[in-house]
């Protein structure tokens, strides 16, 4: 890795990208946001029961009922897909070795 800000840094070799050039392979911002969105969706799918429990524990403020309704609908949709049961079985299987 070249560090171009150091005064004694060697000049970059032609054809070899460093970590600070536009030639470095990076994901475009749009694809990065898409991947992060999918990851957050998967995490929310797996934690629907915990999100419902957290929603029930919220203080009664404006909008709390809407959040509870949304959390219940999300949990019902995930329960219909069978994902929470699968994840419970997976956690139980993985915890056998502890």
PDB file of N, CA and C in Angstrom:
ATOM      1  N   UNK A   1       0.845  -1.174   0.000  1.00  0.00           N
ATOM      2  CA  UNK A   1       0.000   0.000   0.000  1.00  0.00           C
ATOM      3  C   UNK A   1       0.887   1.233   0.000  1.00  0.00           C
ATOM      4  N   UNK A   2       0.611   2.123  -0.895  1.00  0.00           N
ATOM      5  CA  UNK A   2       1.370   3.359  -0.972  1.00  0.00           C
ATOM      6  C   UNK A   2       0.670   4.429  -0.158  1.00  0.00           C
ATOM      7  N   UNK A   3       1.427   5.277   0.466  1.00  0.00           N
ATOM      8  CA  UNK A   3       0.884   6.362   1.259  1.00  0.00           C
ATOM      9  C   UNK A   3       1.372   7.675   0.659  1.00  0.00           C
ATOM     10  N   UNK A   4       0.603   8.242  -0.270  1.00  0.00           N
ATOM     11  CA  UNK A   4       1.094   9.386  -1.011  1.00  0.00           C
ATOM     12  C   UNK A   4       1.267  10.647  -0.182  1.00  0.00           C
ATOM     13  N   UNK A   5       0.733  10.707   1.015  1.00  0.00           N
ATOM     14  CA  UNK A   5       0.882  11.918   1.815  1.00  0.00           C
ATOM     15  C   UNK A   5       2.225  11.993   2.533  1.00  0.00           C
ATOM     16  N   UNK A   6       2.947  10.887   2.590  1.00  0.00           N
ATOM     17  CA  UNK A   6       4.257  10.908   3.232  1.00  0.00           C
ATOM     18  C   UNK A   6       5.286  11.521   2.298  1.00  0.00           C
ATOM     19  N   UNK A   7       6.181  12.339   2.825  1.00  0.00           N
ATOM     20  CA  UNK A   7       7.141  13.012   1.943  1.00  0.00           C
ATOM     21  C   UNK A   7       8.131  12.063   1.277  1.00  0.00           C
ATOM     22  N   UNK A   8       8.458  10.935   1.924  1.00  0.00           N
ATOM     23  CA  UNK A   8       9.446  10.033   1.336  1.00  0.00           C
ATOM     24  C   UNK A   8       8.784   8.846   0.624  1.00  0.00           C
ATOM     25  N   UNK A   9       7.509   8.990   0.250  1.00  0.00           N
ATOM     26  CA  UNK A   9       6.800   7.899  -0.430  1.00  0.00           C
ATOM     27  C   UNK A   9       7.354   7.719  -1.838  1.00  0.00           C
ATOM     28  N   UNK A  10       7.542   6.476  -2.242  1.00  0.00           N
ATOM     29  CA  UNK A  10       8.018   6.255  -3.612  1.00  0.00           C
ATOM     30  C   UNK A  10       6.927   6.638  -4.613  1.00  0.00           C
ATOM     31  N   UNK A  11       7.332   6.999  -5.808  1.00  0.00           N
ATOM     32  CA  UNK A  11       6.314   7.344  -6.808  1.00  0.00           C
ATOM     33  C   UNK A  11       5.491   6.103  -7.166  1.00  0.00           C
ATOM     34  N   UNK A  12       4.220   6.286  -7.468  1.00  0.00           N
ATOM     35  CA  UNK A  12       3.399   5.112  -7.792  1.00  0.00           C
ATOM     36  C   UNK A  12       3.877   4.431  -9.057  1.00  0.00           C
ATOM     37  N   UNK A  13       3.820   3.106  -9.035  1.00  0.00           N
ATOM     38  CA  UNK A  13       4.220   2.337 -10.213  1.00  0.00           C
ATOM     39  C   UNK A  13       3.107   2.401 -11.251  1.00  0.00           C
ATOM     40  N   UNK A  14       3.447   2.498 -12.494  1.00  0.00           N
ATOM     41  CA  UNK A  14       2.401   2.569 -13.508  1.00  0.00           C
ATOM     42  C   UNK A  14       1.634   1.248 -13.616  1.00  0.00           C
ATOM     43  N   UNK A  15       0.321   1.357 -13.720  1.00  0.00           N
ATOM     44  CA  UNK A  15      -0.523   0.183 -13.889  1.00  0.00           C
ATOM     45  C   UNK A  15      -0.891  -0.527 -12.604  1.00  0.00           C
ATOM     46  N   UNK A  16      -0.366  -0.087 -11.465  1.00  0.00           N
ATOM     47  CA  UNK A  16      -0.668  -0.722 -10.185  1.00  0.00           C
ATOM     48  C   UNK A  16      -1.510   0.259  -9.369  1.00  0.00           C
ATOM     49  N   UNK A  17      -2.813  -0.032  -9.192  1.00  0.00           N
ATOM     50  CA  UNK A  17      -3.632   0.895  -8.406  1.00  0.00           C
ATOM     51  C   UNK A  17      -3.293   0.791  -6.924  1.00  0.00           C
ATOM     52  N   UNK A  18      -3.376   1.907  -6.254  1.00  0.00           N
ATOM     53  CA  UNK A  18      -3.183   1.885  -4.812  1.00  0.00           C
ATOM     54  C   UNK A  18      -4.540   2.058  -4.139  1.00  0.00           C
ATOM     55  N   UNK A  19      -4.557   2.116  -2.833  1.00  0.00           N
ATOM     56  CA  UNK A  19      -5.821   2.203  -2.108  1.00  0.00           C
ATOM     57  C   UNK A  19      -6.441   3.587  -2.147  1.00  0.00           C
ATOM     58  N   UNK A  20      -5.792   4.534  -2.762  1.00  0.00           N
ATOM     59  CA  UNK A  20      -6.265   5.902  -2.716  1.00  0.00           C
ATOM     60  C   UNK A  20      -6.609   6.453  -4.091  1.00  0.00           C
ATOM     61  N   UNK A  21      -6.656   5.615  -5.094  1.00  0.00           N
ATOM     62  CA  UNK A  21      -6.942   6.103  -6.435  1.00  0.00           C
ATOM     63  C   UNK A  21      -8.339   5.699  -6.868  1.00  0.00           C
ATOM     64  N   UNK A  22      -8.816   6.296  -7.921  1.00  0.00           N
ATOM     65  CA  UNK A  22     -10.121   5.941  -8.465  1.00  0.00           C
ATOM     66  C   UNK A  22     -10.096   4.569  -9.129  1.00  0.00           C
ATOM     67  N   UNK A  23      -8.917   4.001  -9.362  1.00  0.00           N
ATOM     68  CA  UNK A  23      -8.815   2.699  -9.995  1.00  0.00           C
ATOM     69  C   UNK A  23      -9.050   1.559  -8.992  1.00  0.00           C
ATOM     70  N   UNK A  24      -9.116   1.873  -7.703  1.00  0.00           N
ATOM     71  CA  UNK A  24      -9.339   0.861  -6.691  1.00  0.00           C
ATOM     72  C   UNK A  24     -10.758   0.328  -6.826  1.00  0.00           C
ATOM     73  N   UNK A  25     -10.918  -0.961  -6.721  1.00  0.00           N
ATOM     74  CA  UNK A  25     -12.231  -1.583  -6.868  1.00  0.00           C
ATOM     75  C   UNK A  25     -13.089  -1.304  -5.640  1.00  0.00           C
ATOM     76  N   UNK A  26     -14.169  -0.589  -5.841  1.00  0.00           N
ATOM     77  CA  UNK A  26     -15.130  -0.317  -4.778  1.00  0.00           C
ATOM     78  C   UNK A  26     -16.529  -0.479  -5.350  1.00  0.00           C
ATOM     79  N   UNK A  27     -17.481  -0.726  -4.464  1.00  0.00           N
ATOM     80  CA  UNK A  27     -18.871  -0.816  -4.896  1.00  0.00           C
ATOM     81  C   UNK A  27     -19.432   0.585  -5.084  1.00  0.00           C
ATOM     82  N   UNK A  28     -20.200   0.808  -6.119  1.00  0.00           N
ATOM     83  CA  UNK A  28     -20.867   2.108  -6.268  1.00  0.00           C
ATOM     84  C   UNK A  28     -21.848   2.339  -5.113  1.00  0.00           C
ATOM     85  N   UNK A  29     -22.135   3.578  -4.829  1.00  0.00           N
ATOM     86  CA  UNK A  29     -22.969   3.930  -3.687  1.00  0.00           C
ATOM     87  C   UNK A  29     -24.359   3.298  -3.794  1.00  0.00           C
ATOM     88  N   UNK A  30     -24.944   3.287  -4.979  1.00  0.00           N
ATOM     89  CA  UNK A  30     -26.280   2.716  -5.144  1.00  0.00           C
ATOM     90  C   UNK A  30     -26.326   1.245  -4.779  1.00  0.00           C
ATOM     91  N   UNK A  31     -25.351   0.482  -5.248  1.00  0.00           N
ATOM     92  CA  UNK A  31     -25.318  -0.950  -4.922  1.00  0.00           C
ATOM     93  C   UNK A  31     -24.997  -1.174  -3.453  1.00  0.00           C
ATOM     94  N   UNK A  32     -24.169  -0.319  -2.890  1.00  0.00           N
ATOM     95  CA  UNK A  32     -23.850  -0.437  -1.470  1.00  0.00           C
ATOM     96  C   UNK A  32     -25.095  -0.223  -0.626  1.00  0.00           C
ATOM     97  N   UNK A  33     -25.879   0.805  -0.954  1.00  0.00           N
ATOM     98  CA  UNK A  33     -27.108   1.060  -0.209  1.00  0.00           C
ATOM     99  C   UNK A  33     -28.118  -0.066  -0.390  1.00  0.00           C
ATOM    100  N   UNK A  34     -28.171  -0.649  -1.582  1.00  0.00           N
ATOM    101  CA  UNK A  34     -29.064  -1.774  -1.823  1.00  0.00           C
ATOM    102  C   UNK A  34     -28.675  -2.980  -0.971  1.00  0.00           C
ATOM    103  N   UNK A  35     -27.394  -3.278  -0.916  1.00  0.00           N
ATOM    104  CA  UNK A  35     -26.920  -4.407  -0.110  1.00  0.00           C
ATOM    105  C   UNK A  35     -27.189  -4.160   1.371  1.00  0.00           C
ATOM    106  N   UNK A  36     -26.922  -2.950   1.843  1.00  0.00           N
ATOM    107  CA  UNK A  36     -27.196  -2.645   3.248  1.00  0.00           C
ATOM    108  C   UNK A  36     -28.685  -2.728   3.549  1.00  0.00           C
ATOM    109  N   UNK A  37     -29.527  -2.274   2.623  1.00  0.00           N
ATOM    110  CA  UNK A  37     -30.971  -2.383   2.811  1.00  0.00           C
ATOM    111  C   UNK A  37     -31.429  -3.825   2.902  1.00  0.00           C
ATOM    112  N   UNK A  38     -30.875  -4.696   2.048  1.00  0.00           N
ATOM    113  CA  UNK A  38     -31.227  -6.107   2.101  1.00  0.00           C
ATOM    114  C   UNK A  38     -30.774  -6.756   3.406  1.00  0.00           C
ATOM    115  N   UNK A  39     -29.613  -6.367   3.874  1.00  0.00           N
ATOM    116  CA  UNK A  39     -29.118  -6.910   5.143  1.00  0.00           C
ATOM    117  C   UNK A  39     -30.019  -6.477   6.288  1.00  0.00           C
ATOM    118  N   UNK A  40     -30.415  -5.198   6.310  1.00  0.00           N
ATOM    119  CA  UNK A  40     -31.309  -4.725   7.364  1.00  0.00           C
ATOM    120  C   UNK A  40     -32.671  -5.412   7.287  1.00  0.00           C
ATOM    121  N   UNK A  41     -33.156  -5.671   6.081  1.00  0.00           N
ATOM    122  CA  UNK A  41     -34.423  -6.384   5.925  1.00  0.00           C
ATOM    123  C   UNK A  41     -34.310  -7.802   6.475  1.00  0.00           C
ATOM    124  N   UNK A  42     -33.221  -8.493   6.174  1.00  0.00           N
ATOM    125  CA  UNK A  42     -33.027  -9.846   6.713  1.00  0.00           C
ATOM    126  C   UNK A  42     -32.937  -9.842   8.234  1.00  0.00           C
ATOM    127  N   UNK A  43     -32.253  -8.843   8.782  1.00  0.00           N
ATOM    128  CA  UNK A  43     -32.170  -8.754  10.239  1.00  0.00           C
ATOM    129  C   UNK A  43     -33.541  -8.490  10.847  1.00  0.00           C
ATOM    130  N   UNK A  44     -34.324  -7.615  10.215  1.00  0.00           N
ATOM    131  CA  UNK A  44     -35.663  -7.325  10.728  1.00  0.00           C
ATOM    132  C   UNK A  44     -36.574  -8.532  10.594  1.00  0.00           C
ATOM    133  N   UNK A  45     -36.376  -9.321   9.557  1.00  0.00           N
ATOM    134  CA  UNK A  45     -37.193 -10.522   9.391  1.00  0.00           C
ATOM    135  C   UNK A  45     -36.906 -11.527  10.502  1.00  0.00           C
ATOM    136  N   UNK A  46     -35.674 -11.644  10.892  1.00  0.00           N
ATOM    137  CA  UNK A  46     -35.303 -12.617  11.912  1.00  0.00           C
ATOM    138  C   UNK A  46     -35.601 -12.170  13.325  1.00  0.00           C
ATOM    139  N   UNK A  47     -35.784 -10.883  13.522  1.00  0.00           N
ATOM    140  CA  UNK A  47     -36.020 -10.372  14.877  1.00  0.00           C
ATOM    141  C   UNK A  47     -37.424  -9.811  15.050  1.00  0.00           C
ATOM    142  N   UNK A  48     -38.403 -10.332  14.320  1.00  0.00           N
ATOM    143  CA  UNK A  48     -39.755  -9.771  14.363  1.00  0.00           C
ATOM    144  C   UNK A  48     -40.396  -9.915  15.746  1.00  0.00           C
ATOM    145  N   UNK A  49     -40.149 -11.040  16.412  1.00  0.00           N
ATOM    146  CA  UNK A  49     -40.731 -11.226  17.743  1.00  0.00           C
ATOM    147  C   UNK A  49     -40.125 -10.266  18.755  1.00  0.00           C
ATOM    148  N   UNK A  50     -38.827 -10.045  18.680  1.00  0.00           N
ATOM    149  CA  UNK A  50     -38.180  -9.108  19.590  1.00  0.00           C
ATOM    150  C   UNK A  50     -38.642  -7.677  19.312  1.00  0.00           C
ATOM    151  N   UNK A  51     -38.874  -7.360  18.044  1.00  0.00           N
ATOM    152  CA  UNK A  51     -39.366  -6.022  17.711  1.00  0.00           C
ATOM    153  C   UNK A  51     -40.775  -5.823  18.261  1.00  0.00           C
ATOM    154  N   UNK A  52     -41.608  -6.853  18.220  1.00  0.00           N
ATOM    155  CA  UNK A  52     -42.957  -6.763  18.772  1.00  0.00           C
ATOM    156  C   UNK A  52     -42.906  -6.580  20.279  1.00  0.00           C
ATOM    157  N   UNK A  53     -42.047  -7.325  20.961  1.00  0.00           N
ATOM    158  CA  UNK A  53     -41.895  -7.152  22.410  1.00  0.00           C
ATOM    159  C   UNK A  53     -41.421  -5.748  22.750  1.00  0.00           C
ATOM    160  N   UNK A  54     -40.496  -5.222  21.965  1.00  0.00           N
ATOM    161  CA  UNK A  54     -40.012  -3.866  22.208  1.00  0.00           C
ATOM    162  C   UNK A  54     -41.107  -2.842  21.964  1.00  0.00           C
ATOM    163  N   UNK A  55     -41.942  -3.075  20.959  1.00  0.00           N
ATOM    164  CA  UNK A  55     -43.032  -2.139  20.674  1.00  0.00           C
ATOM    165  C   UNK A  55     -44.049  -2.130  21.810  1.00  0.00           C
ATOM    166  N   UNK A  56     -44.322  -3.298  22.398  1.00  0.00           N
ATOM    167  CA  UNK A  56     -45.248  -3.348  23.531  1.00  0.00           C
ATOM    168  C   UNK A  56     -44.687  -2.619  24.749  1.00  0.00           C
ATOM    169  N   UNK A  57     -43.399  -2.512  24.857  1.00  0.00           N
ATOM    170  CA  UNK A  57     -42.782  -1.856  25.999  1.00  0.00           C
ATOM    171  C   UNK A  57     -42.597  -0.359  25.836  1.00  0.00           C
ATOM    172  N   UNK A  58     -43.011   0.202  24.706  1.00  0.00           N
ATOM    173  CA  UNK A  58     -42.856   1.642  24.488  1.00  0.00           C
ATOM    174  C   UNK A  58     -43.810   2.430  25.380  1.00  0.00           C
ATOM    175  N   UNK A  59     -43.403   3.631  25.811  1.00  0.00           N
ATOM    176  CA  UNK A  59     -44.342   4.467  26.568  1.00  0.00           C
ATOM    177  C   UNK A  59     -45.449   4.985  25.647  1.00  0.00           C
ATOM    178  N   UNK A  60     -46.589   5.272  26.213  1.00  0.00           N
ATOM    179  CA  UNK A  60     -47.721   5.739  25.421  1.00  0.00           C
ATOM    180  C   UNK A  60     -47.510   7.198  25.007  1.00  0.00           C
ATOM    181  N   UNK A  61     -47.095   7.376  23.787  1.00  0.00           N
ATOM    182  CA  UNK A  61     -46.880   8.686  23.188  1.00  0.00           C
ATOM    183  C   UNK A  61     -47.625   8.720  21.870  1.00  0.00           C
ATOM    184  N   UNK A  62     -47.767   9.896  21.266  1.00  0.00           N
ATOM    185  CA  UNK A  62     -48.405   9.934  19.949  1.00  0.00           C
ATOM    186  C   UNK A  62     -47.609   9.092  18.945  1.00  0.00           C
ATOM    187  N   UNK A  63     -48.293   8.220  18.252  1.00  0.00           N
ATOM    188  CA  UNK A  63     -47.644   7.370  17.266  1.00  0.00           C
ATOM    189  C   UNK A  63     -47.272   5.995  17.783  1.00  0.00           C
ATOM    190  N   UNK A  64     -47.373   5.784  19.096  1.00  0.00           N
ATOM    191  CA  UNK A  64     -47.005   4.483  19.659  1.00  0.00           C
ATOM    192  C   UNK A  64     -47.949   3.388  19.180  1.00  0.00           C
ATOM    193  N   UNK A  65     -49.245   3.710  19.123  1.00  0.00           N
ATOM    194  CA  UNK A  65     -50.208   2.707  18.676  1.00  0.00           C
ATOM    195  C   UNK A  65     -49.950   2.308  17.228  1.00  0.00           C
ATOM    196  N   UNK A  66     -49.584   3.267  16.409  1.00  0.00           N
ATOM    197  CA  UNK A  66     -49.278   2.957  15.004  1.00  0.00           C
ATOM    198  C   UNK A  66     -48.056   2.048  14.914  1.00  0.00           C
ATOM    199  N   UNK A  67     -47.045   2.295  15.749  1.00  0.00           N
ATOM    200  CA  UNK A  67     -45.861   1.428  15.754  1.00  0.00           C
ATOM    201  C   UNK A  67     -46.203   0.016  16.217  1.00  0.00           C
ATOM    202  N   UNK A  68     -47.083  -0.092  17.209  1.00  0.00           N
ATOM    203  CA  UNK A  68     -47.484  -1.408  17.692  1.00  0.00           C
ATOM    204  C   UNK A  68     -48.254  -2.155  16.611  1.00  0.00           C
ATOM    205  N   UNK A  69     -49.143  -1.458  15.911  1.00  0.00           N
ATOM    206  CA  UNK A  69     -49.898  -2.086  14.826  1.00  0.00           C
ATOM    207  C   UNK A  69     -48.957  -2.547  13.720  1.00  0.00           C
ATOM    208  N   UNK A  70     -47.990  -1.707  13.395  1.00  0.00           N
ATOM    209  CA  UNK A  70     -47.010  -2.060  12.365  1.00  0.00           C
ATOM    210  C   UNK A  70     -46.168  -3.262  12.795  1.00  0.00           C
ATOM    211  N   UNK A  71     -45.737  -3.281  14.057  1.00  0.00           N
ATOM    212  CA  UNK A  71     -44.936  -4.404  14.558  1.00  0.00           C
ATOM    213  C   UNK A  71     -45.755  -5.689  14.586  1.00  0.00           C
ATOM    214  N   UNK A  72     -47.041  -5.597  14.950  1.00  0.00           N
ATOM    215  CA  UNK A  72     -47.893  -6.785  14.948  1.00  0.00           C
ATOM    216  C   UNK A  72     -48.089  -7.320  13.531  1.00  0.00           C
ATOM    217  N   UNK A  73     -48.312  -6.412  12.590  1.00  0.00           N
ATOM    218  CA  UNK A  73     -48.491  -6.842  11.200  1.00  0.00           C
ATOM    219  C   UNK A  73     -47.216  -7.487  10.666  1.00  0.00           C
ATOM    220  N   UNK A  74     -46.062  -6.909  10.996  1.00  0.00           N
ATOM    221  CA  UNK A  74     -44.785  -7.466  10.542  1.00  0.00           C
ATOM    222  C   UNK A  74     -44.568  -8.846  11.146  1.00  0.00           C
ATOM    223  N   UNK A  75     -44.858  -8.981  12.447  1.00  0.00           N
ATOM    224  CA  UNK A  75     -44.663 -10.266  13.102  1.00  0.00           C
ATOM    225  C   UNK A  75     -45.627 -11.310  12.548  1.00  0.00           C
ATOM    226  N   UNK A  76     -46.869 -10.918  12.273  1.00  0.00           N
ATOM    227  CA  UNK A  76     -47.826 -11.859  11.692  1.00  0.00           C
ATOM    228  C   UNK A  76     -47.368 -12.332  10.314  1.00  0.00           C
ATOM    229  N   UNK A  77     -46.840 -11.401   9.522  1.00  0.00           N
ATOM    230  CA  UNK A  77     -46.355 -11.767   8.184  1.00  0.00           C
ATOM    231  C   UNK A  77     -45.163 -12.715   8.280  1.00  0.00           C
ATOM    232  N   UNK A  78     -44.277 -12.450   9.208  1.00  0.00           N
ATOM    233  CA  UNK A  78     -43.113 -13.321   9.362  1.00  0.00           C
ATOM    234  C   UNK A  78     -43.523 -14.679   9.927  1.00  0.00           C
ATOM    235  N   UNK A  79     -44.523 -14.695  10.835  1.00  0.00           N
ATOM    236  CA  UNK A  79     -45.005 -15.974  11.378  1.00  0.00           C
ATOM    237  C   UNK A  79     -45.678 -16.790  10.285  1.00  0.00           C
ATOM    238  N   UNK A  80     -46.381 -16.125   9.371  1.00  0.00           N
ATOM    239  CA  UNK A  80     -47.028 -16.841   8.271  1.00  0.00           C
ATOM    240  C   UNK A  80     -45.997 -17.462   7.332  1.00  0.00           C
ATOM    241  N   UNK A  81     -44.841 -16.822   7.240  1.00  0.00           N
ATOM    242  CA  UNK A  81     -43.791 -17.378   6.372  1.00  0.00           C
ATOM    243  C   UNK A  81     -43.033 -18.516   7.043  1.00  0.00           C
ATOM    244  N   UNK A  82     -43.164 -18.641   8.359  1.00  0.00           N
ATOM    245  CA  UNK A  82     -42.478 -19.708   9.082  1.00  0.00           C
ATOM    246  C   UNK A  82     -41.048 -19.385   9.457  1.00  0.00           C
ATOM    247  N   UNK A  83     -40.613 -18.176   9.186  1.00  0.00           N
ATOM    248  CA  UNK A  83     -39.225 -17.807   9.451  1.00  0.00           C
ATOM    249  C   UNK A  83     -38.873 -17.796  10.938  1.00  0.00           C
ATOM    250  N   UNK A  84     -39.699 -17.225  11.824  1.00  0.00           N
ATOM    251  CA  UNK A  84     -39.308 -17.245  13.246  1.00  0.00           C
ATOM    252  C   UNK A  84     -39.122 -18.649  13.816  1.00  0.00           C
ATOM    253  N   UNK A  85     -39.980 -19.588  13.432  1.00  0.00           N
ATOM    254  CA  UNK A  85     -39.821 -20.962  13.903  1.00  0.00           C
ATOM    255  C   UNK A  85     -38.543 -21.595  13.394  1.00  0.00           C
ATOM    256  N   UNK A  86     -38.223 -21.330  12.147  1.00  0.00           N
ATOM    257  CA  UNK A  86     -36.970 -21.845  11.578  1.00  0.00           C
ATOM    258  C   UNK A  86     -35.770 -21.267  12.318  1.00  0.00           C
ATOM    259  N   UNK A  87     -35.808 -19.970  12.608  1.00  0.00           N
ATOM    260  CA  UNK A  87     -34.679 -19.346  13.302  1.00  0.00           C
ATOM    261  C   UNK A  87     -34.572 -19.832  14.742  1.00  0.00           C
ATOM    262  N   UNK A  88     -35.707 -20.091  15.410  1.00  0.00           N
ATOM    263  CA  UNK A  88     -35.652 -20.665  16.766  1.00  0.00           C
ATOM    264  C   UNK A  88     -34.997 -22.032  16.730  1.00  0.00           C
ATOM    265  N   UNK A  89     -35.372 -22.858  15.753  1.00  0.00           N
ATOM    266  CA  UNK A  89     -34.765 -24.188  15.627  1.00  0.00           C
ATOM    267  C   UNK A  89     -33.280 -24.091  15.307  1.00  0.00           C
ATOM    268  N   UNK A  90     -32.915 -23.132  14.474  1.00  0.00           N
ATOM    269  CA  UNK A  90     -31.504 -22.938  14.146  1.00  0.00           C
ATOM    270  C   UNK A  90     -30.709 -22.508  15.368  1.00  0.00           C
ATOM    271  N   UNK A  91     -31.254 -21.566  16.153  1.00  0.00           N
ATOM    272  CA  UNK A  91     -30.566 -21.131  17.375  1.00  0.00           C
ATOM    273  C   UNK A  91     -30.429 -22.282  18.361  1.00  0.00           C
ATOM    274  N   UNK A  92     -31.483 -23.100  18.501  1.00  0.00           N
ATOM    275  CA  UNK A  92     -31.422 -24.248  19.414  1.00  0.00           C
ATOM    276  C   UNK A  92     -30.370 -25.251  18.958  1.00  0.00           C
ATOM    277  N   UNK A  93     -30.281 -25.472  17.650  1.00  0.00           N
ATOM    278  CA  UNK A  93     -29.286 -26.403  17.129  1.00  0.00           C
ATOM    279  C   UNK A  93     -27.871 -25.871  17.347  1.00  0.00           C
ATOM    280  N   UNK A  94     -27.696 -24.585  17.119  1.00  0.00           N
ATOM    281  CA  UNK A  94     -26.355 -24.010  17.296  1.00  0.00           C
ATOM    282  C   UNK A  94     -25.940 -23.910  18.748  1.00  0.00           C
ATOM    283  N   UNK A  95     -26.915 -23.812  19.644  1.00  0.00           N
ATOM    284  CA  UNK A  95     -26.560 -23.704  21.066  1.00  0.00           C
ATOM    285  C   UNK A  95     -26.299 -25.064  21.708  1.00  0.00           C
ATOM    286  N   UNK A  96     -26.515 -26.157  20.999  1.00  0.00           N
ATOM    287  CA  UNK A  96     -26.240 -27.481  21.559  1.00  0.00           C
ATOM    288  C   UNK A  96     -24.775 -27.683  21.880  1.00  0.00           C
ATOM    289  N   UNK A  97     -23.901 -27.080  21.141  1.00  0.00           N
ATOM    290  CA  UNK A  97     -22.469 -27.269  21.343  1.00  0.00           C
ATOM    291  C   UNK A  97     -21.890 -26.447  22.467  1.00  0.00           C
ATOM    292  N   UNK A  98     -22.665 -25.606  23.079  1.00  0.00           N
ATOM    293  CA  UNK A  98     -22.134 -24.739  24.166  1.00  0.00           C
ATOM    294  C   UNK A  98     -22.012 -25.474  25.461  1.00  0.00           C
TER     295      UNK A  98
END
